[in-house]
Amino acid sequence: MTQKQIDAYLRLMDPQILEERTHQDKSGVYGIAQRLAGYQSNHIEGSSLTPEQTADLFETGTREQDQTAVRVKDVENLSGHFRMLNEALKTIHRRLHRI
């Protein structure tokens, strides 16, 4: 994806996702991004959380009582991911600088 394509995408998406993040509206683009990116990011790291468990943790901060046990480290990593994406959205308009 070129920078021009990325910029065009962000112009379309960022007002919506930023508005939803501000109001903690988890039913739209912001919620989808958090659930999918959280699951994929943690899955790459070997997380045992299912997409459903990831969604529960994002939406309510807890898991359903009837679900199987999960590793505490997986929950910690997922919580960190949710915070990281929120921080990234705060700086969405800033250019990344090379070190």
PDB file of N, CA and C in Angstrom:
ATOM      1  N   MET A   1       0.848  -1.167   0.000  1.00  0.00           N
ATOM      2  CA  MET A   1       0.000   0.000   0.000  1.00  0.00           C
ATOM      3  C   MET A   1       0.899   1.237   0.000  1.00  0.00           C
ATOM      4  N   THR A   2       0.611   2.162  -0.874  1.00  0.00           N
ATOM      5  CA  THR A   2       1.415   3.380  -0.947  1.00  0.00           C
ATOM      6  C   THR A   2       0.998   4.371   0.134  1.00  0.00           C
ATOM      7  N   GLN A   3       1.863   5.346   0.403  1.00  0.00           N
ATOM      8  CA  GLN A   3       1.526   6.378   1.393  1.00  0.00           C
ATOM      9  C   GLN A   3       0.287   7.156   0.962  1.00  0.00           C
ATOM     10  N   LYS A   4       0.144   7.375  -0.327  1.00  0.00           N
ATOM     11  CA  LYS A   4      -1.032   8.091  -0.846  1.00  0.00           C
ATOM     12  C   LYS A   4      -2.309   7.303  -0.542  1.00  0.00           C
ATOM     13  N   GLN A   5      -2.273   5.991  -0.725  1.00  0.00           N
ATOM     14  CA  GLN A   5      -3.428   5.149  -0.423  1.00  0.00           C
ATOM     15  C   GLN A   5      -3.723   5.134   1.073  1.00  0.00           C
ATOM     16  N   ILE A   6      -2.672   5.058   1.875  1.00  0.00           N
ATOM     17  CA  ILE A   6      -2.852   5.079   3.330  1.00  0.00           C
ATOM     18  C   ILE A   6      -3.485   6.389   3.766  1.00  0.00           C
ATOM     19  N   ASP A   7      -2.977   7.501   3.232  1.00  0.00           N
ATOM     20  CA  ASP A   7      -3.526   8.812   3.585  1.00  0.00           C
ATOM     21  C   ASP A   7      -5.000   8.923   3.201  1.00  0.00           C
ATOM     22  N   ALA A   8      -5.354   8.419   2.027  1.00  0.00           N
ATOM     23  CA  ALA A   8      -6.754   8.462   1.587  1.00  0.00           C
ATOM     24  C   ALA A   8      -7.633   7.621   2.505  1.00  0.00           C
ATOM     25  N   TYR A   9      -7.156   6.456   2.889  1.00  0.00           N
ATOM     26  CA  TYR A   9      -7.896   5.599   3.796  1.00  0.00           C
ATOM     27  C   TYR A   9      -8.113   6.284   5.135  1.00  0.00           C
ATOM     28  N   LEU A  10      -7.051   6.868   5.673  1.00  0.00           N
ATOM     29  CA  LEU A  10      -7.161   7.534   6.967  1.00  0.00           C
ATOM     30  C   LEU A  10      -8.129   8.712   6.921  1.00  0.00           C
ATOM     31  N   ARG A  11      -8.127   9.453   5.820  1.00  0.00           N
ATOM     32  CA  ARG A  11      -9.073  10.575   5.705  1.00  0.00           C
ATOM     33  C   ARG A  11     -10.511  10.081   5.776  1.00  0.00           C
ATOM     34  N   LEU A  12     -10.758   8.897   5.234  1.00  0.00           N
ATOM     35  CA  LEU A  12     -12.110   8.335   5.268  1.00  0.00           C
ATOM     36  C   LEU A  12     -12.453   7.742   6.628  1.00  0.00           C
ATOM     37  N   MET A  13     -11.491   7.049   7.243  1.00  0.00           N
ATOM     38  CA  MET A  13     -11.779   6.279   8.436  1.00  0.00           C
ATOM     39  C   MET A  13     -11.548   7.007   9.750  1.00  0.00           C
ATOM     40  N   ASP A  14     -10.555   7.881   9.810  1.00  0.00           N
ATOM     41  CA  ASP A  14     -10.203   8.398  11.122  1.00  0.00           C
ATOM     42  C   ASP A  14     -11.280   9.233  11.788  1.00  0.00           C
ATOM     43  N   PRO A  15     -12.098  10.005  11.079  1.00  0.00           N
ATOM     44  CA  PRO A  15     -13.141  10.715  11.836  1.00  0.00           C
ATOM     45  C   PRO A  15     -14.084   9.745  12.556  1.00  0.00           C
ATOM     46  N   GLN A  16     -14.448   8.671  11.902  1.00  0.00           N
ATOM     47  CA  GLN A  16     -15.364   7.690  12.481  1.00  0.00           C
ATOM     48  C   GLN A  16     -14.727   6.946  13.652  1.00  0.00           C
ATOM     49  N   ILE A  17     -13.530   6.420  13.440  1.00  0.00           N
ATOM     50  CA  ILE A  17     -12.891   5.622  14.485  1.00  0.00           C
ATOM     51  C   ILE A  17     -12.517   6.494  15.688  1.00  0.00           C
ATOM     52  N   LEU A  18     -12.106   7.734  15.428  1.00  0.00           N
ATOM     53  CA  LEU A  18     -11.753   8.626  16.527  1.00  0.00           C
ATOM     54  C   LEU A  18     -12.983   9.019  17.332  1.00  0.00           C
ATOM     55  N   GLU A  19     -14.080   9.257  16.650  1.00  0.00           N
ATOM     56  CA  GLU A  19     -15.336   9.586  17.346  1.00  0.00           C
ATOM     57  C   GLU A  19     -15.789   8.406  18.205  1.00  0.00           C
ATOM     58  N   GLU A  20     -15.725   7.218  17.646  1.00  0.00           N
ATOM     59  CA  GLU A  20     -16.133   6.024  18.398  1.00  0.00           C
ATOM     60  C   GLU A  20     -15.205   5.784  19.584  1.00  0.00           C
ATOM     61  N   ARG A  21     -13.896   5.978  19.414  1.00  0.00           N
ATOM     62  CA  ARG A  21     -12.955   5.795  20.523  1.00  0.00           C
ATOM     63  C   ARG A  21     -13.245   6.804  21.629  1.00  0.00           C
ATOM     64  N   THR A  22     -13.478   8.051  21.245  1.00  0.00           N
ATOM     65  CA  THR A  22     -13.760   9.096  22.223  1.00  0.00           C
ATOM     66  C   THR A  22     -14.960   8.749  23.090  1.00  0.00           C
ATOM     67  N   HIS A  23     -15.979   8.185  22.472  1.00  0.00           N
ATOM     68  CA  HIS A  23     -17.206   7.840  23.197  1.00  0.00           C
ATOM     69  C   HIS A  23     -17.250   6.377  23.650  1.00  0.00           C
ATOM     70  N   GLN A  24     -16.122   5.675  23.467  1.00  0.00           N
ATOM     71  CA  GLN A  24     -16.041   4.248  23.814  1.00  0.00           C
ATOM     72  C   GLN A  24     -17.197   3.451  23.207  1.00  0.00           C
ATOM     73  N   ASP A  25     -17.553   3.818  21.967  1.00  0.00           N
ATOM     74  CA  ASP A  25     -18.576   3.095  21.206  1.00  0.00           C
ATOM     75  C   ASP A  25     -17.902   1.864  20.610  1.00  0.00           C
ATOM     76  N   LYS A  26     -18.210   0.712  21.135  1.00  0.00           N
ATOM     77  CA  LYS A  26     -17.551  -0.524  20.728  1.00  0.00           C
ATOM     78  C   LYS A  26     -18.319  -1.287  19.654  1.00  0.00           C
ATOM     79  N   SER A  27     -19.344  -0.646  19.081  1.00  0.00           N
ATOM     80  CA  SER A  27     -20.196  -1.346  18.125  1.00  0.00           C
ATOM     81  C   SER A  27     -19.815  -1.096  16.672  1.00  0.00           C
ATOM     82  N   GLY A  28     -18.890  -0.199  16.399  1.00  0.00           N
ATOM     83  CA  GLY A  28     -18.561   0.153  15.020  1.00  0.00           C
ATOM     84  C   GLY A  28     -17.138  -0.203  14.633  1.00  0.00           C
ATOM     85  N   VAL A  29     -16.547   0.671  13.832  1.00  0.00           N
ATOM     86  CA  VAL A  29     -15.204   0.462  13.293  1.00  0.00           C
ATOM     87  C   VAL A  29     -14.172   0.325  14.407  1.00  0.00           C
ATOM     88  N   TYR A  30     -14.280   1.168  15.424  1.00  0.00           N
ATOM     89  CA  TYR A  30     -13.333   1.119  16.548  1.00  0.00           C
ATOM     90  C   TYR A  30     -13.376  -0.251  17.224  1.00  0.00           C
ATOM     91  N   GLY A  31     -14.557  -0.744  17.509  1.00  0.00           N
ATOM     92  CA  GLY A  31     -14.700  -2.048  18.151  1.00  0.00           C
ATOM     93  C   GLY A  31     -14.187  -3.181  17.285  1.00  0.00           C
ATOM     94  N   ILE A  32     -14.498  -3.115  16.013  1.00  0.00           N
ATOM     95  CA  ILE A  32     -14.021  -4.144  15.080  1.00  0.00           C
ATOM     96  C   ILE A  32     -12.498  -4.131  15.031  1.00  0.00           C
ATOM     97  N   ALA A  33     -11.920  -2.939  14.936  1.00  0.00           N
ATOM     98  CA  ALA A  33     -10.458  -2.828  14.875  1.00  0.00           C
ATOM     99  C   ALA A  33      -9.818  -3.384  16.144  1.00  0.00           C
ATOM    100  N   GLN A  34     -10.372  -3.045  17.282  1.00  0.00           N
ATOM    101  CA  GLN A  34      -9.802  -3.525  18.542  1.00  0.00           C
ATOM    102  C   GLN A  34      -9.900  -5.046  18.648  1.00  0.00           C
ATOM    103  N   ARG A  35     -11.068  -5.588  18.345  1.00  0.00           N
ATOM    104  CA  ARG A  35     -11.246  -7.040  18.477  1.00  0.00           C
ATOM    105  C   ARG A  35     -10.376  -7.812  17.486  1.00  0.00           C
ATOM    106  N   LEU A  36     -10.403  -7.412  16.225  1.00  0.00           N
ATOM    107  CA  LEU A  36      -9.640  -8.149  15.211  1.00  0.00           C
ATOM    108  C   LEU A  36      -8.142  -7.985  15.394  1.00  0.00           C
ATOM    109  N   ALA A  37      -7.696  -6.756  15.572  1.00  0.00           N
ATOM    110  CA  ALA A  37      -6.261  -6.524  15.730  1.00  0.00           C
ATOM    111  C   ALA A  37      -5.764  -7.140  17.032  1.00  0.00           C
ATOM    112  N   GLY A  38      -6.562  -7.062  18.087  1.00  0.00           N
ATOM    113  CA  GLY A  38      -6.170  -7.668  19.359  1.00  0.00           C
ATOM    114  C   GLY A  38      -6.017  -9.163  19.242  1.00  0.00           C
ATOM    115  N   TYR A  39      -6.995  -9.796  18.609  1.00  0.00           N
ATOM    116  CA  TYR A  39      -6.919 -11.246  18.438  1.00  0.00           C
ATOM    117  C   TYR A  39      -5.712 -11.626  17.568  1.00  0.00           C
ATOM    118  N   GLN A  40      -5.567 -10.963  16.409  1.00  0.00           N
ATOM    119  CA  GLN A  40      -4.488 -11.316  15.486  1.00  0.00           C
ATOM    120  C   GLN A  40      -3.116 -11.083  16.112  1.00  0.00           C
ATOM    121  N   SER A  41      -2.941  -9.950  16.779  1.00  0.00           N
ATOM    122  CA  SER A  41      -1.666  -9.623  17.409  1.00  0.00           C
ATOM    123  C   SER A  41      -1.293 -10.662  18.464  1.00  0.00           C
ATOM    124  N   ASN A  42      -2.237 -10.996  19.311  1.00  0.00           N
ATOM    125  CA  ASN A  42      -1.945 -11.967  20.362  1.00  0.00           C
ATOM    126  C   ASN A  42      -1.820 -13.383  19.815  1.00  0.00           C
ATOM    127  N   HIS A  43      -2.563 -13.696  18.765  1.00  0.00           N
ATOM    128  CA  HIS A  43      -2.472 -15.023  18.154  1.00  0.00           C
ATOM    129  C   HIS A  43      -1.064 -15.247  17.587  1.00  0.00           C
ATOM    130  N   ILE A  44      -0.496 -14.205  16.980  1.00  0.00           N
ATOM    131  CA  ILE A  44       0.862 -14.295  16.450  1.00  0.00           C
ATOM    132  C   ILE A  44       1.845 -14.631  17.571  1.00  0.00           C
ATOM    133  N   GLU A  45       1.573 -14.110  18.766  1.00  0.00           N
ATOM    134  CA  GLU A  45       2.451 -14.340  19.918  1.00  0.00           C
ATOM    135  C   GLU A  45       2.158 -15.658  20.629  1.00  0.00           C
ATOM    136  N   GLY A  46       1.229 -16.448  20.094  1.00  0.00           N
ATOM    137  CA  GLY A  46       0.937 -17.747  20.674  1.00  0.00           C
ATOM    138  C   GLY A  46      -0.149 -17.733  21.731  1.00  0.00           C
ATOM    139  N   SER A  47      -0.974 -16.699  21.740  1.00  0.00           N
ATOM    140  CA  SER A  47      -2.056 -16.592  22.717  1.00  0.00           C
ATOM    141  C   SER A  47      -3.059 -17.727  22.543  1.00  0.00           C
ATOM    142  N   SER A  48      -3.636 -18.142  23.663  1.00  0.00           N
ATOM    143  CA  SER A  48      -4.644 -19.199  23.639  1.00  0.00           C
ATOM    144  C   SER A  48      -6.072 -18.635  23.574  1.00  0.00           C
ATOM    145  N   LEU A  49      -6.212 -17.307  23.576  1.00  0.00           N
ATOM    146  CA  LEU A  49      -7.548 -16.711  23.559  1.00  0.00           C
ATOM    147  C   LEU A  49      -8.234 -16.925  22.219  1.00  0.00           C
ATOM    148  N   THR A  50      -9.507 -17.220  22.277  1.00  0.00           N
ATOM    149  CA  THR A  50     -10.308 -17.359  21.061  1.00  0.00           C
ATOM    150  C   THR A  50     -10.798 -15.973  20.639  1.00  0.00           C
ATOM    151  N   PRO A  51     -11.291 -15.834  19.408  1.00  0.00           N
ATOM    152  CA  PRO A  51     -11.877 -14.550  19.014  1.00  0.00           C
ATOM    153  C   PRO A  51     -13.026 -14.138  19.939  1.00  0.00           C
ATOM    154  N   GLU A  52     -13.803 -15.096  20.407  1.00  0.00           N
ATOM    155  CA  GLU A  52     -14.930 -14.796  21.296  1.00  0.00           C
ATOM    156  C   GLU A  52     -14.433 -14.294  22.654  1.00  0.00           C
ATOM    157  N   GLN A  53     -13.386 -14.921  23.181  1.00  0.00           N
ATOM    158  CA  GLN A  53     -12.828 -14.475  24.457  1.00  0.00           C
ATOM    159  C   GLN A  53     -12.218 -13.076  24.315  1.00  0.00           C
ATOM    160  N   THR A  54     -11.564 -12.846  23.189  1.00  0.00           N
ATOM    161  CA  THR A  54     -10.999 -11.522  22.920  1.00  0.00           C
ATOM    162  C   THR A  54     -12.104 -10.480  22.900  1.00  0.00           C
ATOM    163  N   ALA A  55     -13.199 -10.791  22.217  1.00  0.00           N
ATOM    164  CA  ALA A  55     -14.327  -9.854  22.154  1.00  0.00           C
ATOM    165  C   ALA A  55     -14.909  -9.602  23.540  1.00  0.00           C
ATOM    166  N   ASP A  56     -15.083 -10.653  24.340  1.00  0.00           N
ATOM    167  CA  ASP A  56     -15.611 -10.483  25.703  1.00  0.00           C
ATOM    168  C   ASP A  56     -14.717  -9.564  26.527  1.00  0.00           C
ATOM    169  N   LEU A  57     -13.409  -9.792  26.444  1.00  0.00           N
ATOM    170  CA  LEU A  57     -12.480  -8.983  27.223  1.00  0.00           C
ATOM    171  C   LEU A  57     -12.491  -7.527  26.771  1.00  0.00           C
ATOM    172  N   PHE A  58     -12.625  -7.300  25.479  1.00  0.00           N
ATOM    173  CA  PHE A  58     -12.681  -5.928  24.987  1.00  0.00           C
ATOM    174  C   PHE A  58     -13.988  -5.249  25.382  1.00  0.00           C
ATOM    175  N   GLU A  59     -15.092  -5.942  25.183  1.00  0.00           N
ATOM    176  CA  GLU A  59     -16.406  -5.340  25.393  1.00  0.00           C
ATOM    177  C   GLU A  59     -16.746  -5.136  26.864  1.00  0.00           C
ATOM    178  N   THR A  60     -16.370  -6.083  27.708  1.00  0.00           N
ATOM    179  CA  THR A  60     -16.801  -6.009  29.110  1.00  0.00           C
ATOM    180  C   THR A  60     -15.646  -5.979  30.106  1.00  0.00           C
ATOM    181  N   GLY A  61     -14.447  -6.299  29.647  1.00  0.00           N
ATOM    182  CA  GLY A  61     -13.308  -6.380  30.559  1.00  0.00           C
ATOM    183  C   GLY A  61     -13.275  -7.677  31.346  1.00  0.00           C
ATOM    184  N   THR A  62     -14.217  -8.573  31.072  1.00  0.00           N
ATOM    185  CA  THR A  62     -14.287  -9.862  31.758  1.00  0.00           C
ATOM    186  C   THR A  62     -14.556 -10.960  30.743  1.00  0.00           C
ATOM    187  N   ARG A  63     -14.575 -12.178  31.239  1.00  0.00           N
ATOM    188  CA  ARG A  63     -14.938 -13.322  30.403  1.00  0.00           C
ATOM    189  C   ARG A  63     -16.239 -13.904  30.906  1.00  0.00           C
ATOM    190  N   GLU A  64     -16.918 -14.588  30.016  1.00  0.00           N
ATOM    191  CA  GLU A  64     -18.125 -15.298  30.428  1.00  0.00           C
ATOM    192  C   GLU A  64     -17.738 -16.397  31.416  1.00  0.00           C
ATOM    193  N   GLN A  65     -18.577 -16.654  32.388  1.00  0.00           N
ATOM    194  CA  GLN A  65     -18.263 -17.626  33.438  1.00  0.00           C
ATOM    195  C   GLN A  65     -18.088 -19.049  32.919  1.00  0.00           C
ATOM    196  N   ASP A  66     -18.790 -19.410  31.866  1.00  0.00           N
ATOM    197  CA  ASP A  66     -18.747 -20.793  31.403  1.00  0.00           C
ATOM    198  C   ASP A  66     -17.592 -21.078  30.441  1.00  0.00           C
ATOM    199  N   GLN A  67     -16.748 -20.108  30.191  1.00  0.00           N
ATOM    200  CA  GLN A  67     -15.635 -20.330  29.281  1.00  0.00           C
ATOM    201  C   GLN A  67     -14.490 -21.042  29.991  1.00  0.00           C
ATOM    202  N   THR A  68     -13.666 -21.679  29.194  1.00  0.00           N
ATOM    203  CA  THR A  68     -12.519 -22.390  29.749  1.00  0.00           C
ATOM    204  C   THR A  68     -11.505 -21.401  30.316  1.00  0.00           C
ATOM    205  N   ALA A  69     -10.613 -21.904  31.130  1.00  0.00           N
ATOM    206  CA  ALA A  69      -9.573 -21.073  31.729  1.00  0.00           C
ATOM    207  C   ALA A  69      -8.651 -20.520  30.645  1.00  0.00           C
ATOM    208  N   VAL A  70      -8.110 -19.342  30.905  1.00  0.00           N
ATOM    209  CA  VAL A  70      -7.148 -18.738  29.987  1.00  0.00           C
ATOM    210  C   VAL A  70      -5.902 -18.348  30.773  1.00  0.00           C
ATOM    211  N   ARG A  71      -4.801 -18.223  30.055  1.00  0.00           N
ATOM    212  CA  ARG A  71      -3.551 -17.814  30.692  1.00  0.00           C
ATOM    213  C   ARG A  71      -3.610 -16.332  31.048  1.00  0.00           C
ATOM    214  N   VAL A  72      -3.173 -16.015  32.250  1.00  0.00           N
ATOM    215  CA  VAL A  72      -3.167 -14.631  32.717  1.00  0.00           C
ATOM    216  C   VAL A  72      -2.308 -13.775  31.787  1.00  0.00           C
ATOM    217  N   LYS A  73      -1.199 -14.297  31.329  1.00  0.00           N
ATOM    218  CA  LYS A  73      -0.305 -13.544  30.438  1.00  0.00           C
ATOM    219  C   LYS A  73      -1.023 -13.158  29.152  1.00  0.00           C
ATOM    220  N   ASP A  74      -1.876 -14.036  28.631  1.00  0.00           N
ATOM    221  CA  ASP A  74      -2.638 -13.709  27.418  1.00  0.00           C
ATOM    222  C   ASP A  74      -3.566 -12.522  27.667  1.00  0.00           C
ATOM    223  N   VAL A  75      -4.199 -12.507  28.821  1.00  0.00           N
ATOM    224  CA  VAL A  75      -5.108 -11.408  29.168  1.00  0.00           C
ATOM    225  C   VAL A  75      -4.316 -10.115  29.341  1.00  0.00           C
ATOM    226  N   GLU A  76      -3.160 -10.195  29.991  1.00  0.00           N
ATOM    227  CA  GLU A  76      -2.313  -9.012  30.157  1.00  0.00           C
ATOM    228  C   GLU A  76      -1.861  -8.460  28.815  1.00  0.00           C
ATOM    229  N   ASN A  77      -1.423  -9.347  27.921  1.00  0.00           N
ATOM    230  CA  ASN A  77      -0.986  -8.910  26.592  1.00  0.00           C
ATOM    231  C   ASN A  77      -2.123  -8.263  25.820  1.00  0.00           C
ATOM    232  N   LEU A  78      -3.305  -8.836  25.904  1.00  0.00           N
ATOM    233  CA  LEU A  78      -4.454  -8.292  25.205  1.00  0.00           C
ATOM    234  C   LEU A  78      -4.829  -6.919  25.751  1.00  0.00           C
ATOM    235  N   SER A  79      -4.805  -6.778  27.060  1.00  0.00           N
ATOM    236  CA  SER A  79      -5.087  -5.470  27.668  1.00  0.00           C
ATOM    237  C   SER A  79      -4.073  -4.440  27.202  1.00  0.00           C
ATOM    238  N   GLY A  80      -2.819  -4.842  27.105  1.00  0.00           N
ATOM    239  CA  GLY A  80      -1.782  -3.951  26.596  1.00  0.00           C
ATOM    240  C   GLY A  80      -2.039  -3.553  25.159  1.00  0.00           C
ATOM    241  N   HIS A  81      -2.506  -4.500  24.358  1.00  0.00           N
ATOM    242  CA  HIS A  81      -2.829  -4.192  22.964  1.00  0.00           C
ATOM    243  C   HIS A  81      -3.943  -3.150  22.887  1.00  0.00           C
ATOM    244  N   PHE A  82      -4.990  -3.335  23.680  1.00  0.00           N
ATOM    245  CA  PHE A  82      -6.109  -2.383  23.653  1.00  0.00           C
ATOM    246  C   PHE A  82      -5.614  -0.982  23.996  1.00  0.00           C
ATOM    247  N   ARG A  83      -4.760  -0.864  25.011  1.00  0.00           N
ATOM    248  CA  ARG A  83      -4.207   0.442  25.398  1.00  0.00           C
ATOM    249  C   ARG A  83      -3.325   1.006  24.292  1.00  0.00           C
ATOM    250  N   MET A  84      -2.509   0.144  23.665  1.00  0.00           N
ATOM    251  CA  MET A  84      -1.608   0.587  22.604  1.00  0.00           C
ATOM    252  C   MET A  84      -2.385   1.155  21.426  1.00  0.00           C
ATOM    253  N   LEU A  85      -3.450   0.486  21.006  1.00  0.00           N
ATOM    254  CA  LEU A  85      -4.226   0.993  19.876  1.00  0.00           C
ATOM    255  C   LEU A  85      -4.882   2.318  20.232  1.00  0.00           C
ATOM    256  N   ASN A  86      -5.357   2.464  21.453  1.00  0.00           N
ATOM    257  CA  ASN A  86      -5.928   3.748  21.879  1.00  0.00           C
ATOM    258  C   ASN A  86      -4.874   4.851  21.799  1.00  0.00           C
ATOM    259  N   GLU A  87      -3.655   4.563  22.241  1.00  0.00           N
ATOM    260  CA  GLU A  87      -2.577   5.556  22.169  1.00  0.00           C
ATOM    261  C   GLU A  87      -2.234   5.874  20.715  1.00  0.00           C
ATOM    262  N   ALA A  88      -2.200   4.850  19.863  1.00  0.00           N
ATOM    263  CA  ALA A  88      -1.901   5.071  18.447  1.00  0.00           C
ATOM    264  C   ALA A  88      -2.949   5.965  17.804  1.00  0.00           C
ATOM    265  N   LEU A  89      -4.211   5.777  18.176  1.00  0.00           N
ATOM    266  CA  LEU A  89      -5.268   6.607  17.606  1.00  0.00           C
ATOM    267  C   LEU A  89      -5.154   8.066  18.047  1.00  0.00           C
ATOM    268  N   LYS A  90      -4.584   8.296  19.218  1.00  0.00           N
ATOM    269  CA  LYS A  90      -4.379   9.677  19.675  1.00  0.00           C
ATOM    270  C   LYS A  90      -3.383  10.417  18.787  1.00  0.00           C
ATOM    271  N   THR A  91      -2.474   9.684  18.161  1.00  0.00           N
ATOM    272  CA  THR A  91      -1.420  10.305  17.351  1.00  0.00           C
ATOM    273  C   THR A  91      -1.563   9.951  15.875  1.00  0.00           C
ATOM    274  N   ILE A  92      -2.750   9.658  15.443  1.00  0.00           N
ATOM    275  CA  ILE A  92      -2.975   9.160  14.081  1.00  0.00           C
ATOM    276  C   ILE A  92      -2.529  10.142  13.001  1.00  0.00           C
ATOM    277  N   HIS A  93      -2.541  11.423  13.295  1.00  0.00           N
ATOM    278  CA  HIS A  93      -2.176  12.420  12.289  1.00  0.00           C
ATOM    279  C   HIS A  93      -0.698  12.794  12.304  1.00  0.00           C
ATOM    280  N   ARG A  94       0.042  12.267  13.247  1.00  0.00           N
ATOM    281  CA  ARG A  94       1.475  12.573  13.296  1.00  0.00           C
ATOM    282  C   ARG A  94       2.251  11.640  12.372  1.00  0.00           C
ATOM    283  N   ARG A  95       3.206  12.185  11.694  1.00  0.00           N
ATOM    284  CA  ARG A  95       4.070  11.390  10.818  1.00  0.00           C
ATOM    285  C   ARG A  95       5.061  10.608  11.690  1.00  0.00           C
ATOM    286  N   LEU A  96       5.382   9.406  11.268  1.00  0.00           N
ATOM    287  CA  LEU A  96       6.415   8.630  11.926  1.00  0.00           C
ATOM    288  C   LEU A  96       7.771   9.134  11.452  1.00  0.00           C
ATOM    289  N   HIS A  97       8.705   9.229  12.345  1.00  0.00           N
ATOM    290  CA  HIS A  97      10.039   9.707  12.003  1.00  0.00           C
ATOM    291  C   HIS A  97      11.031   8.562  12.104  1.00  0.00           C
ATOM    292  N   ARG A  98      11.929   8.533  11.158  1.00  0.00           N
ATOM    293  CA  ARG A  98      12.976   7.518  11.199  1.00  0.00           C
ATOM    294  C   ARG A  98      14.013   7.908  12.208  1.00  0.00           C
ATOM    295  N   ILE A  99      14.555   6.913  12.862  1.00  0.00           N
ATOM    296  CA  ILE A  99      15.611   7.162  13.857  1.00  0.00           C
ATOM    297  C   ILE A  99      16.963   6.963  13.207  1.00  0.00           C
TER     298      ILE A  99
END
